[in-house]
Amino acid sequence: MLNWLKDKWEFVAAGIAVVAVFLLGRKGKSAADRKVELKEKEIDVVNKANEKELAATKAAADKHVKEIINIHADAERKLKQAEEDRDNLVRELVDDPNAIDKKIKELGIKEI
């Protein structure tokens, strides 16, 4: 067998090289698989963070819209109240010129 190895040393060396390359390639594949797995986990974490941020932004936007609606409703209510107060004041003062003069003095208006 030793003679055969001496005669065929090139084939033996090539075989050892092939086995070494195969083993190194398997290690590289394992590392590449691990890298892909880590990248997928990173993508999942980023997607979850984006979903949380989007949910928080949507909640803040909904809250803001509700606040704006409430402000508009409050302003409309105050406007209606002011119109009612104005109409009541006009009804009170329409027939009595002395009452008009008195109200003008109460409001601090000196000239008309």
PDB file of N, CA and C in Angstrom:
ATOM      1  N   MET A   1       0.816  -1.182   0.000  1.00  0.00           N
ATOM      2  CA  MET A   1       0.000   0.000   0.000  1.00  0.00           C
ATOM      3  C   MET A   1       0.870   1.259   0.000  1.00  0.00           C
ATOM      4  N   LEU A   2       2.008   1.156   0.664  1.00  0.00           N
ATOM      5  CA  LEU A   2       2.930   2.275   0.709  1.00  0.00           C
ATOM      6  C   LEU A   2       3.451   2.581  -0.687  1.00  0.00           C
ATOM      7  N   ASN A   3       3.666   1.562  -1.439  1.00  0.00           N
ATOM      8  CA  ASN A   3       4.113   1.757  -2.813  1.00  0.00           C
ATOM      9  C   ASN A   3       3.012   2.443  -3.642  1.00  0.00           C
ATOM     10  N   TRP A   4       1.810   2.028  -3.412  1.00  0.00           N
ATOM     11  CA  TRP A   4       0.689   2.635  -4.146  1.00  0.00           C
ATOM     12  C   TRP A   4       0.577   4.120  -3.808  1.00  0.00           C
ATOM     13  N   LEU A   5       0.746   4.471  -2.510  1.00  0.00           N
ATOM     14  CA  LEU A   5       0.706   5.869  -2.085  1.00  0.00           C
ATOM     15  C   LEU A   5       1.829   6.661  -2.749  1.00  0.00           C
ATOM     16  N   LYS A   6       2.984   6.067  -2.852  1.00  0.00           N
ATOM     17  CA  LYS A   6       4.096   6.751  -3.491  1.00  0.00           C
ATOM     18  C   LYS A   6       3.795   6.991  -4.963  1.00  0.00           C
ATOM     19  N   ASP A   7       3.197   5.980  -5.611  1.00  0.00           N
ATOM     20  CA  ASP A   7       2.880   6.122  -7.024  1.00  0.00           C
ATOM     21  C   ASP A   7       1.742   7.124  -7.256  1.00  0.00           C
ATOM     22  N   LYS A   8       0.808   7.100  -6.402  1.00  0.00           N
ATOM     23  CA  LYS A   8      -0.404   7.923  -6.591  1.00  0.00           C
ATOM     24  C   LYS A   8      -0.466   9.101  -5.618  1.00  0.00           C
ATOM     25  N   TRP A   9       0.648   9.641  -5.189  1.00  0.00           N
ATOM     26  CA  TRP A   9       0.668  10.719  -4.195  1.00  0.00           C
ATOM     27  C   TRP A   9      -0.100  11.946  -4.647  1.00  0.00           C
ATOM     28  N   GLU A  10      -0.118  12.177  -5.953  1.00  0.00           N
ATOM     29  CA  GLU A  10      -0.856  13.336  -6.473  1.00  0.00           C
ATOM     30  C   GLU A  10      -2.351  13.185  -6.217  1.00  0.00           C
ATOM     31  N   PHE A  11      -2.862  11.960  -6.434  1.00  0.00           N
ATOM     32  CA  PHE A  11      -4.288  11.713  -6.179  1.00  0.00           C
ATOM     33  C   PHE A  11      -4.616  11.821  -4.693  1.00  0.00           C
ATOM     34  N   VAL A  12      -3.709  11.326  -3.852  1.00  0.00           N
ATOM     35  CA  VAL A  12      -3.920  11.385  -2.395  1.00  0.00           C
ATOM     36  C   VAL A  12      -3.929  12.854  -1.940  1.00  0.00           C
ATOM     37  N   ALA A  13      -2.963  13.637  -2.422  1.00  0.00           N
ATOM     38  CA  ALA A  13      -2.901  15.055  -2.055  1.00  0.00           C
ATOM     39  C   ALA A  13      -4.155  15.788  -2.540  1.00  0.00           C
ATOM     40  N   ALA A  14      -4.583  15.469  -3.759  1.00  0.00           N
ATOM     41  CA  ALA A  14      -5.792  16.096  -4.288  1.00  0.00           C
ATOM     42  C   ALA A  14      -7.004  15.698  -3.456  1.00  0.00           C
ATOM     43  N   GLY A  15      -7.076  14.454  -3.036  1.00  0.00           N
ATOM     44  CA  GLY A  15      -8.183  13.974  -2.203  1.00  0.00           C
ATOM     45  C   GLY A  15      -8.204  14.678  -0.856  1.00  0.00           C
ATOM     46  N   ILE A  16      -7.039  14.816  -0.236  1.00  0.00           N
ATOM     47  CA  ILE A  16      -6.958  15.526   1.051  1.00  0.00           C
ATOM     48  C   ILE A  16      -7.376  16.988   0.874  1.00  0.00           C
ATOM     49  N   ALA A  17      -6.943  17.590  -0.219  1.00  0.00           N
ATOM     50  CA  ALA A  17      -7.314  18.982  -0.490  1.00  0.00           C
ATOM     51  C   ALA A  17      -8.834  19.107  -0.672  1.00  0.00           C
ATOM     52  N   VAL A  18      -9.419  18.157  -1.382  1.00  0.00           N
ATOM     53  CA  VAL A  18     -10.872  18.181  -1.601  1.00  0.00           C
ATOM     54  C   VAL A  18     -11.609  18.044  -0.273  1.00  0.00           C
ATOM     55  N   VAL A  19     -11.168  17.140   0.582  1.00  0.00           N
ATOM     56  CA  VAL A  19     -11.798  16.956   1.896  1.00  0.00           C
ATOM     57  C   VAL A  19     -11.646  18.230   2.734  1.00  0.00           C
ATOM     58  N   ALA A  20     -10.462  18.838   2.725  1.00  0.00           N
ATOM     59  CA  ALA A  20     -10.233  20.071   3.494  1.00  0.00           C
ATOM     60  C   ALA A  20     -11.132  21.198   2.983  1.00  0.00           C
ATOM     61  N   VAL A  21     -11.219  21.339   1.660  1.00  0.00           N
ATOM     62  CA  VAL A  21     -12.070  22.385   1.094  1.00  0.00           C
ATOM     63  C   VAL A  21     -13.534  22.113   1.443  1.00  0.00           C
ATOM     64  N   PHE A  22     -13.944  20.858   1.399  1.00  0.00           N
ATOM     65  CA  PHE A  22     -15.317  20.502   1.746  1.00  0.00           C
ATOM     66  C   PHE A  22     -15.631  20.880   3.190  1.00  0.00           C
ATOM     67  N   LEU A  23     -14.718  20.548   4.098  1.00  0.00           N
ATOM     68  CA  LEU A  23     -14.944  20.872   5.510  1.00  0.00           C
ATOM     69  C   LEU A  23     -14.962  22.383   5.740  1.00  0.00           C
ATOM     70  N   LEU A  24     -14.047  23.092   5.096  1.00  0.00           N
ATOM     71  CA  LEU A  24     -14.032  24.549   5.235  1.00  0.00           C
ATOM     72  C   LEU A  24     -15.303  25.167   4.630  1.00  0.00           C
ATOM     73  N   GLY A  25     -15.751  24.611   3.537  1.00  0.00           N
ATOM     74  CA  GLY A  25     -16.982  25.103   2.908  1.00  0.00           C
ATOM     75  C   GLY A  25     -18.188  24.894   3.796  1.00  0.00           C
ATOM     76  N   ARG A  26     -18.227  23.803   4.520  1.00  0.00           N
ATOM     77  CA  ARG A  26     -19.344  23.550   5.432  1.00  0.00           C
ATOM     78  C   ARG A  26     -19.335  24.557   6.577  1.00  0.00           C
ATOM     79  N   LYS A  27     -18.141  24.902   7.058  1.00  0.00           N
ATOM     80  CA  LYS A  27     -18.049  25.918   8.114  1.00  0.00           C
ATOM     81  C   LYS A  27     -18.536  27.263   7.588  1.00  0.00           C
ATOM     82  N   GLY A  28     -18.145  27.587   6.364  1.00  0.00           N
ATOM     83  CA  GLY A  28     -18.578  28.839   5.747  1.00  0.00           C
ATOM     84  C   GLY A  28     -20.083  28.870   5.547  1.00  0.00           C
ATOM     85  N   LYS A  29     -20.655  27.733   5.172  1.00  0.00           N
ATOM     86  CA  LYS A  29     -22.105  27.654   4.987  1.00  0.00           C
ATOM     87  C   LYS A  29     -22.807  27.835   6.314  1.00  0.00           C
ATOM     88  N   SER A  30     -22.260  27.249   7.342  1.00  0.00           N
ATOM     89  CA  SER A  30     -22.838  27.385   8.684  1.00  0.00           C
ATOM     90  C   SER A  30     -22.806  28.843   9.134  1.00  0.00           C
ATOM     91  N   ALA A  31     -21.683  29.503   8.878  1.00  0.00           N
ATOM     92  CA  ALA A  31     -21.570  30.918   9.257  1.00  0.00           C
ATOM     93  C   ALA A  31     -22.536  31.765   8.433  1.00  0.00           C
ATOM     94  N   ALA A  32     -22.677  31.450   7.153  1.00  0.00           N
ATOM     95  CA  ALA A  32     -23.596  32.195   6.299  1.00  0.00           C
ATOM     96  C   ALA A  32     -25.047  31.981   6.755  1.00  0.00           C
ATOM     97  N   ASP A  33     -25.367  30.734   7.116  1.00  0.00           N
ATOM     98  CA  ASP A  33     -26.717  30.464   7.626  1.00  0.00           C
ATOM     99  C   ASP A  33     -26.982  31.243   8.907  1.00  0.00           C
ATOM    100  N   ARG A  34     -26.000  31.316   9.780  1.00  0.00           N
ATOM    101  CA  ARG A  34     -26.131  32.057  11.042  1.00  0.00           C
ATOM    102  C   ARG A  34     -26.311  33.555  10.758  1.00  0.00           C
ATOM    103  N   LYS A  35     -25.562  34.056   9.778  1.00  0.00           N
ATOM    104  CA  LYS A  35     -25.667  35.470   9.413  1.00  0.00           C
ATOM    105  C   LYS A  35     -27.059  35.783   8.866  1.00  0.00           C
ATOM    106  N   VAL A  36     -27.600  34.897   8.051  1.00  0.00           N
ATOM    107  CA  VAL A  36     -28.945  35.077   7.496  1.00  0.00           C
ATOM    108  C   VAL A  36     -29.976  35.055   8.627  1.00  0.00           C
ATOM    109  N   GLU A  37     -29.807  34.134   9.545  1.00  0.00           N
ATOM    110  CA  GLU A  37     -30.725  34.035  10.686  1.00  0.00           C
ATOM    111  C   GLU A  37     -30.699  35.318  11.527  1.00  0.00           C
ATOM    112  N   LEU A  38     -29.510  35.835  11.799  1.00  0.00           N
ATOM    113  CA  LEU A  38     -29.396  37.079  12.565  1.00  0.00           C
ATOM    114  C   LEU A  38     -30.007  38.256  11.815  1.00  0.00           C
ATOM    115  N   LYS A  39     -29.811  38.297  10.508  1.00  0.00           N
ATOM    116  CA  LYS A  39     -30.384  39.376   9.697  1.00  0.00           C
ATOM    117  C   LYS A  39     -31.907  39.312   9.739  1.00  0.00           C
ATOM    118  N   GLU A  40     -32.478  38.106   9.670  1.00  0.00           N
ATOM    119  CA  GLU A  40     -33.929  37.950   9.752  1.00  0.00           C
ATOM    120  C   GLU A  40     -34.458  38.413  11.113  1.00  0.00           C
ATOM    121  N   LYS A  41     -33.735  38.085  12.183  1.00  0.00           N
ATOM    122  CA  LYS A  41     -34.132  38.538  13.517  1.00  0.00           C
ATOM    123  C   LYS A  41     -34.072  40.063  13.599  1.00  0.00           C
ATOM    124  N   GLU A  42     -33.035  40.648  13.026  1.00  0.00           N
ATOM    125  CA  GLU A  42     -32.901  42.106  13.021  1.00  0.00           C
ATOM    126  C   GLU A  42     -34.080  42.750  12.274  1.00  0.00           C
ATOM    127  N   ILE A  43     -34.445  42.170  11.146  1.00  0.00           N
ATOM    128  CA  ILE A  43     -35.573  42.688  10.372  1.00  0.00           C
ATOM    129  C   ILE A  43     -36.861  42.595  11.183  1.00  0.00           C
ATOM    130  N   ASP A  44     -37.057  41.483  11.888  1.00  0.00           N
ATOM    131  CA  ASP A  44     -38.253  41.328  12.723  1.00  0.00           C
ATOM    132  C   ASP A  44     -38.298  42.379  13.825  1.00  0.00           C
ATOM    133  N   VAL A  45     -37.156  42.628  14.466  1.00  0.00           N
ATOM    134  CA  VAL A  45     -37.101  43.622  15.535  1.00  0.00           C
ATOM    135  C   VAL A  45     -37.417  45.018  14.983  1.00  0.00           C
ATOM    136  N   VAL A  46     -36.841  45.339  13.844  1.00  0.00           N
ATOM    137  CA  VAL A  46     -37.099  46.645  13.226  1.00  0.00           C
ATOM    138  C   VAL A  46     -38.571  46.777  12.841  1.00  0.00           C
ATOM    139  N   ASN A  47     -39.157  45.718  12.286  1.00  0.00           N
ATOM    140  CA  ASN A  47     -40.575  45.758  11.907  1.00  0.00           C
ATOM    141  C   ASN A  47     -41.471  45.939  13.126  1.00  0.00           C
ATOM    142  N   LYS A  48     -41.156  45.242  14.222  1.00  0.00           N
ATOM    143  CA  LYS A  48     -41.951  45.391  15.445  1.00  0.00           C
ATOM    144  C   LYS A  48     -41.831  46.807  15.997  1.00  0.00           C
ATOM    145  N   ALA A  49     -40.627  47.360  15.965  1.00  0.00           N
ATOM    146  CA  ALA A  49     -40.431  48.739  16.440  1.00  0.00           C
ATOM    147  C   ALA A  49     -41.211  49.714  15.565  1.00  0.00           C
ATOM    148  N   ASN A  50     -41.199  49.490  14.263  1.00  0.00           N
ATOM    149  CA  ASN A  50     -41.953  50.353  13.351  1.00  0.00           C
ATOM    150  C   ASN A  50     -43.454  50.254  13.612  1.00  0.00           C
ATOM    151  N   GLU A  51     -43.935  49.032  13.889  1.00  0.00           N
ATOM    152  CA  GLU A  51     -45.359  48.857  14.184  1.00  0.00           C
ATOM    153  C   GLU A  51     -45.739  49.594  15.467  1.00  0.00           C
ATOM    154  N   LYS A  52     -44.879  49.500  16.492  1.00  0.00           N
ATOM    155  CA  LYS A  52     -45.157  50.209  17.748  1.00  0.00           C
ATOM    156  C   LYS A  52     -45.159  51.714  17.523  1.00  0.00           C
ATOM    157  N   GLU A  53     -44.195  52.206  16.767  1.00  0.00           N
ATOM    158  CA  GLU A  53     -44.122  53.643  16.491  1.00  0.00           C
ATOM    159  C   GLU A  53     -45.339  54.100  15.698  1.00  0.00           C
ATOM    160  N   LEU A  54     -45.750  53.306  14.723  1.00  0.00           N
ATOM    161  CA  LEU A  54     -46.922  53.638  13.922  1.00  0.00           C
ATOM    162  C   LEU A  54     -48.181  53.657  14.788  1.00  0.00           C
ATOM    163  N   ALA A  55     -48.303  52.680  15.687  1.00  0.00           N
ATOM    164  CA  ALA A  55     -49.463  52.639  16.576  1.00  0.00           C
ATOM    165  C   ALA A  55     -49.475  53.857  17.496  1.00  0.00           C
ATOM    166  N   ALA A  56     -48.316  54.230  18.027  1.00  0.00           N
ATOM    167  CA  ALA A  56     -48.233  55.402  18.897  1.00  0.00           C
ATOM    168  C   ALA A  56     -48.564  56.674  18.128  1.00  0.00           C
ATOM    169  N   THR A  57     -48.069  56.780  16.912  1.00  0.00           N
ATOM    170  CA  THR A  57     -48.358  57.955  16.083  1.00  0.00           C
ATOM    171  C   THR A  57     -49.845  58.026  15.759  1.00  0.00           C
ATOM    172  N   LYS A  58     -50.439  56.886  15.444  1.00  0.00           N
ATOM    173  CA  LYS A  58     -51.864  56.861  15.133  1.00  0.00           C
ATOM    174  C   LYS A  58     -52.682  57.237  16.362  1.00  0.00           C
ATOM    175  N   ALA A  59     -52.301  56.735  17.532  1.00  0.00           N
ATOM    176  CA  ALA A  59     -53.015  57.078  18.759  1.00  0.00           C
ATOM    177  C   ALA A  59     -52.914  58.572  19.044  1.00  0.00           C
ATOM    178  N   ALA A  60     -51.725  59.133  18.858  1.00  0.00           N
ATOM    179  CA  ALA A  60     -51.540  60.569  19.078  1.00  0.00           C
ATOM    180  C   ALA A  60     -52.371  61.375  18.078  1.00  0.00           C
ATOM    181  N   ALA A  61     -52.418  60.918  16.834  1.00  0.00           N
ATOM    182  CA  ALA A  61     -53.208  61.621  15.815  1.00  0.00           C
ATOM    183  C   ALA A  61     -54.695  61.556  16.156  1.00  0.00           C
ATOM    184  N   ASP A  62     -55.156  60.388  16.598  1.00  0.00           N
ATOM    185  CA  ASP A  62     -56.568  60.255  16.983  1.00  0.00           C
ATOM    186  C   ASP A  62     -56.894  61.173  18.152  1.00  0.00           C
ATOM    187  N   LYS A  63     -56.004  61.231  19.132  1.00  0.00           N
ATOM    188  CA  LYS A  63     -56.207  62.105  20.287  1.00  0.00           C
ATOM    189  C   LYS A  63     -56.260  63.569  19.831  1.00  0.00           C
ATOM    190  N   HIS A  64     -55.364  63.934  18.935  1.00  0.00           N
ATOM    191  CA  HIS A  64     -55.311  65.306  18.429  1.00  0.00           C
ATOM    192  C   HIS A  64     -56.603  65.657  17.683  1.00  0.00           C
ATOM    193  N   VAL A  65     -57.085  64.738  16.869  1.00  0.00           N
ATOM    194  CA  VAL A  65     -58.320  64.977  16.126  1.00  0.00           C
ATOM    195  C   VAL A  65     -59.495  65.153  17.090  1.00  0.00           C
ATOM    196  N   LYS A  66     -59.551  64.309  18.125  1.00  0.00           N
ATOM    197  CA  LYS A  66     -60.633  64.438  19.112  1.00  0.00           C
ATOM    198  C   LYS A  66     -60.565  65.786  19.828  1.00  0.00           C
ATOM    199  N   GLU A  67     -59.348  66.210  20.163  1.00  0.00           N
ATOM    200  CA  GLU A  67     -59.188  67.506  20.823  1.00  0.00           C
ATOM    201  C   GLU A  67     -59.644  68.644  19.905  1.00  0.00           C
ATOM    202  N   ILE A  68     -59.303  68.566  18.643  1.00  0.00           N
ATOM    203  CA  ILE A  68     -59.721  69.601  17.689  1.00  0.00           C
ATOM    204  C   ILE A  68     -61.243  69.614  17.556  1.00  0.00           C
ATOM    205  N   ILE A  69     -61.853  68.448  17.492  1.00  0.00           N
ATOM    206  CA  ILE A  69     -63.315  68.370  17.401  1.00  0.00           C
ATOM    207  C   ILE A  69     -63.945  68.982  18.645  1.00  0.00           C
ATOM    208  N   ASN A  70     -63.373  68.677  19.817  1.00  0.00           N
ATOM    209  CA  ASN A  70     -63.896  69.251  21.063  1.00  0.00           C
ATOM    210  C   ASN A  70     -63.734  70.771  21.086  1.00  0.00           C
ATOM    211  N   ILE A  71     -62.614  71.259  20.612  1.00  0.00           N
ATOM    212  CA  ILE A  71     -62.378  72.712  20.569  1.00  0.00           C
ATOM    213  C   ILE A  71     -63.388  73.381  19.648  1.00  0.00           C
ATOM    214  N   HIS A  72     -63.622  72.767  18.500  1.00  0.00           N
ATOM    215  CA  HIS A  72     -64.583  73.337  17.556  1.00  0.00           C
ATOM    216  C   HIS A  72     -65.997  73.315  18.141  1.00  0.00           C
ATOM    217  N   ALA A  73     -66.342  72.224  18.805  1.00  0.00           N
ATOM    218  CA  ALA A  73     -67.672  72.137  19.413  1.00  0.00           C
ATOM    219  C   ALA A  73     -67.821  73.186  20.510  1.00  0.00           C
ATOM    220  N   ASP A  74     -66.782  73.357  21.311  1.00  0.00           N
ATOM    221  CA  ASP A  74     -66.811  74.359  22.382  1.00  0.00           C
ATOM    222  C   ASP A  74     -66.924  75.766  21.794  1.00  0.00           C
ATOM    223  N   ALA A  75     -66.177  76.042  20.751  1.00  0.00           N
ATOM    224  CA  ALA A  75     -66.228  77.361  20.109  1.00  0.00           C
ATOM    225  C   ALA A  75     -67.616  77.609  19.518  1.00  0.00           C
ATOM    226  N   GLU A  76     -68.196  76.596  18.912  1.00  0.00           N
ATOM    227  CA  GLU A  76     -69.535  76.740  18.337  1.00  0.00           C
ATOM    228  C   GLU A  76     -70.567  76.991  19.442  1.00  0.00           C
ATOM    229  N   ARG A  77     -70.426  76.274  20.545  1.00  0.00           N
ATOM    230  CA  ARG A  77     -71.334  76.472  21.669  1.00  0.00           C
ATOM    231  C   ARG A  77     -71.205  77.892  22.233  1.00  0.00           C
ATOM    232  N   LYS A  78     -69.979  78.376  22.378  1.00  0.00           N
ATOM    233  CA  LYS A  78     -69.760  79.736  22.877  1.00  0.00           C
ATOM    234  C   LYS A  78     -70.298  80.773  21.897  1.00  0.00           C
ATOM    235  N   LEU A  79     -70.150  80.528  20.615  1.00  0.00           N
ATOM    236  CA  LEU A  79     -70.672  81.444  19.608  1.00  0.00           C
ATOM    237  C   LEU A  79     -72.197  81.517  19.676  1.00  0.00           C
ATOM    238  N   LYS A  80     -72.838  80.368  19.802  1.00  0.00           N
ATOM    239  CA  LYS A  80     -74.295  80.345  19.918  1.00  0.00           C
ATOM    240  C   LYS A  80     -74.746  81.087  21.178  1.00  0.00           C
ATOM    241  N   GLN A  81     -74.015  80.882  22.281  1.00  0.00           N
ATOM    242  CA  GLN A  81     -74.351  81.572  23.533  1.00  0.00           C
ATOM    243  C   GLN A  81     -74.194  83.082  23.362  1.00  0.00           C
ATOM    244  N   ALA A  82     -73.125  83.510  22.693  1.00  0.00           N
ATOM    245  CA  ALA A  82     -72.908  84.939  22.472  1.00  0.00           C
ATOM    246  C   ALA A  82     -74.014  85.518  21.589  1.00  0.00           C
ATOM    247  N   GLU A  83     -74.430  84.770  20.580  1.00  0.00           N
ATOM    248  CA  GLU A  83     -75.520  85.230  19.720  1.00  0.00           C
ATOM    249  C   GLU A  83     -76.815  85.342  20.509  1.00  0.00           C
ATOM    250  N   GLU A  84     -77.077  84.366  21.381  1.00  0.00           N
ATOM    251  CA  GLU A  84     -78.278  84.419  22.214  1.00  0.00           C
ATOM    252  C   GLU A  84     -78.219  85.622  23.161  1.00  0.00           C
ATOM    253  N   ASP A  85     -77.051  85.857  23.763  1.00  0.00           N
ATOM    254  CA  ASP A  85     -76.894  87.004  24.665  1.00  0.00           C
ATOM    255  C   ASP A  85     -77.120  88.316  23.900  1.00  0.00           C
ATOM    256  N   ARG A  86     -76.566  88.397  22.707  1.00  0.00           N
ATOM    257  CA  ARG A  86     -76.755  89.586  21.886  1.00  0.00           C
ATOM    258  C   ARG A  86     -78.231  89.800  21.559  1.00  0.00           C
ATOM    259  N   ASP A  87     -78.908  88.729  21.150  1.00  0.00           N
ATOM    260  CA  ASP A  87     -80.325  88.831  20.807  1.00  0.00           C
ATOM    261  C   ASP A  87     -81.157  89.252  22.016  1.00  0.00           C
ATOM    262  N   ASN A  88     -80.833  88.697  23.190  1.00  0.00           N
ATOM    263  CA  ASN A  88     -81.541  89.069  24.417  1.00  0.00           C
ATOM    264  C   ASN A  88     -81.314  90.544  24.746  1.00  0.00           C
ATOM    265  N   LEU A  89     -80.078  90.986  24.609  1.00  0.00           N
ATOM    266  CA  LEU A  89     -79.762  92.381  24.887  1.00  0.00           C
ATOM    267  C   LEU A  89     -80.491  93.319  23.924  1.00  0.00           C
ATOM    268  N   VAL A  90     -80.518  92.937  22.664  1.00  0.00           N
ATOM    269  CA  VAL A  90     -81.226  93.764  21.674  1.00  0.00           C
ATOM    270  C   VAL A  90     -82.707  93.813  22.009  1.00  0.00           C
ATOM    271  N   ARG A  91     -83.312  92.667  22.388  1.00  0.00           N
ATOM    272  CA  ARG A  91     -84.730  92.651  22.754  1.00  0.00           C
ATOM    273  C   ARG A  91     -85.010  93.561  23.950  1.00  0.00           C
ATOM    274  N   GLU A  92     -84.073  93.557  24.923  1.00  0.00           N
ATOM    275  CA  GLU A  92     -84.243  94.388  26.116  1.00  0.00           C
ATOM    276  C   GLU A  92     -84.150  95.878  25.784  1.00  0.00           C
ATOM    277  N   LEU A  93     -83.238  96.216  24.900  1.00  0.00           N
ATOM    278  CA  LEU A  93     -82.928  97.620  24.675  1.00  0.00           C
ATOM    279  C   LEU A  93     -83.655  98.247  23.480  1.00  0.00           C
ATOM    280  N   VAL A  94     -84.332  97.470  22.681  1.00  0.00           N
ATOM    281  CA  VAL A  94     -84.884  97.957  21.434  1.00  0.00           C
ATOM    282  C   VAL A  94     -85.946  99.053  21.646  1.00  0.00           C
ATOM    283  N   ASP A  95     -86.740  98.983  22.661  1.00  0.00           N
ATOM    284  CA  ASP A  95     -87.846  99.926  22.830  1.00  0.00           C
ATOM    285  C   ASP A  95     -87.530 101.072  23.789  1.00  0.00           C
ATOM    286  N   ASP A  96     -86.472 100.995  24.538  1.00  0.00           N
ATOM    287  CA  ASP A  96     -86.199 101.999  25.574  1.00  0.00           C
ATOM    288  C   ASP A  96     -84.874 102.708  25.299  1.00  0.00           C
ATOM    289  N   PRO A  97     -84.898 103.951  24.779  1.00  0.00           N
ATOM    290  CA  PRO A  97     -83.657 104.675  24.489  1.00  0.00           C
ATOM    291  C   PRO A  97     -82.841 104.959  25.751  1.00  0.00           C
ATOM    292  N   ASN A  98     -83.489 105.160  26.884  1.00  0.00           N
ATOM    293  CA  ASN A  98     -82.752 105.390  28.138  1.00  0.00           C
ATOM    294  C   ASN A  98     -81.967 104.148  28.547  1.00  0.00           C
ATOM    295  N   ALA A  99     -82.554 102.979  28.318  1.00  0.00           N
ATOM    296  CA  ALA A  99     -81.872 101.732  28.645  1.00  0.00           C
ATOM    297  C   ALA A  99     -80.637 101.559  27.752  1.00  0.00           C
ATOM    298  N   ILE A 100     -80.758 101.984  26.505  1.00  0.00           N
ATOM    299  CA  ILE A 100     -79.615 101.912  25.590  1.00  0.00           C
ATOM    300  C   ILE A 100     -78.495 102.807  26.093  1.00  0.00           C
ATOM    301  N   ASP A 101     -78.842 104.055  26.471  1.00  0.00           N
ATOM    302  CA  ASP A 101     -77.824 104.973  26.987  1.00  0.00           C
ATOM    303  C   ASP A 101     -77.173 104.417  28.246  1.00  0.00           C
ATOM    304  N   LYS A 102     -77.989 103.854  29.130  1.00  0.00           N
ATOM    305  CA  LYS A 102     -77.464 103.291  30.379  1.00  0.00           C
ATOM    306  C   LYS A 102     -76.492 102.136  30.089  1.00  0.00           C
ATOM    307  N   LYS A 103     -76.857 101.275  29.157  1.00  0.00           N
ATOM    308  CA  LYS A 103     -76.010 100.116  28.810  1.00  0.00           C
ATOM    309  C   LYS A 103     -74.710 100.589  28.170  1.00  0.00           C
ATOM    310  N   ILE A 104     -74.774 101.631  27.365  1.00  0.00           N
ATOM    311  CA  ILE A 104     -73.571 102.172  26.729  1.00  0.00           C
ATOM    312  C   ILE A 104     -72.621 102.704  27.800  1.00  0.00           C
ATOM    313  N   LYS A 105     -73.177 103.381  28.800  1.00  0.00           N
ATOM    314  CA  LYS A 105     -72.345 103.905  29.893  1.00  0.00           C
ATOM    315  C   LYS A 105     -71.746 102.773  30.716  1.00  0.00           C
ATOM    316  N   GLU A 106     -72.511 101.689  30.922  1.00  0.00           N
ATOM    317  CA  GLU A 106     -72.008 100.543  31.669  1.00  0.00           C
ATOM    318  C   GLU A 106     -70.824  99.897  30.940  1.00  0.00           C
ATOM    319  N   LEU A 107     -70.908  99.883  29.640  1.00  0.00           N
ATOM    320  CA  LEU A 107     -69.831  99.262  28.842  1.00  0.00           C
ATOM    321  C   LEU A 107     -68.620 100.186  28.717  1.00  0.00           C
ATOM    322  N   GLY A 108     -68.769 101.442  29.122  1.00  0.00           N
ATOM    323  CA  GLY A 108     -67.629 102.355  29.101  1.00  0.00           C
ATOM    324  C   GLY A 108     -67.431 103.049  27.774  1.00  0.00           C
ATOM    325  N   ILE A 109     -68.457 103.073  26.932  1.00  0.00           N
ATOM    326  CA  ILE A 109     -68.373 103.755  25.650  1.00  0.00           C
ATOM    327  C   ILE A 109     -68.781 105.209  25.872  1.00  0.00           C
ATOM    328  N   LYS A 110     -67.923 106.159  25.469  1.00  0.00           N
ATOM    329  CA  LYS A 110     -68.195 107.576  25.727  1.00  0.00           C
ATOM    330  C   LYS A 110     -68.871 108.239  24.533  1.00  0.00           C
ATOM    331  N   GLU A 111     -68.549 107.848  23.326  1.00  0.00           N
ATOM    332  CA  GLU A 111     -69.149 108.467  22.148  1.00  0.00           C
ATOM    333  C   GLU A 111     -69.700 107.415  21.220  1.00  0.00           C
ATOM    334  N   ILE A 112     -70.730 107.803  20.532  1.00  0.00           N
ATOM    335  CA  ILE A 112     -71.329 106.897  19.545  1.00  0.00           C
ATOM    336  C   ILE A 112     -71.143 107.491  18.168  1.00  0.00           C
TER     337      ILE A 112
END
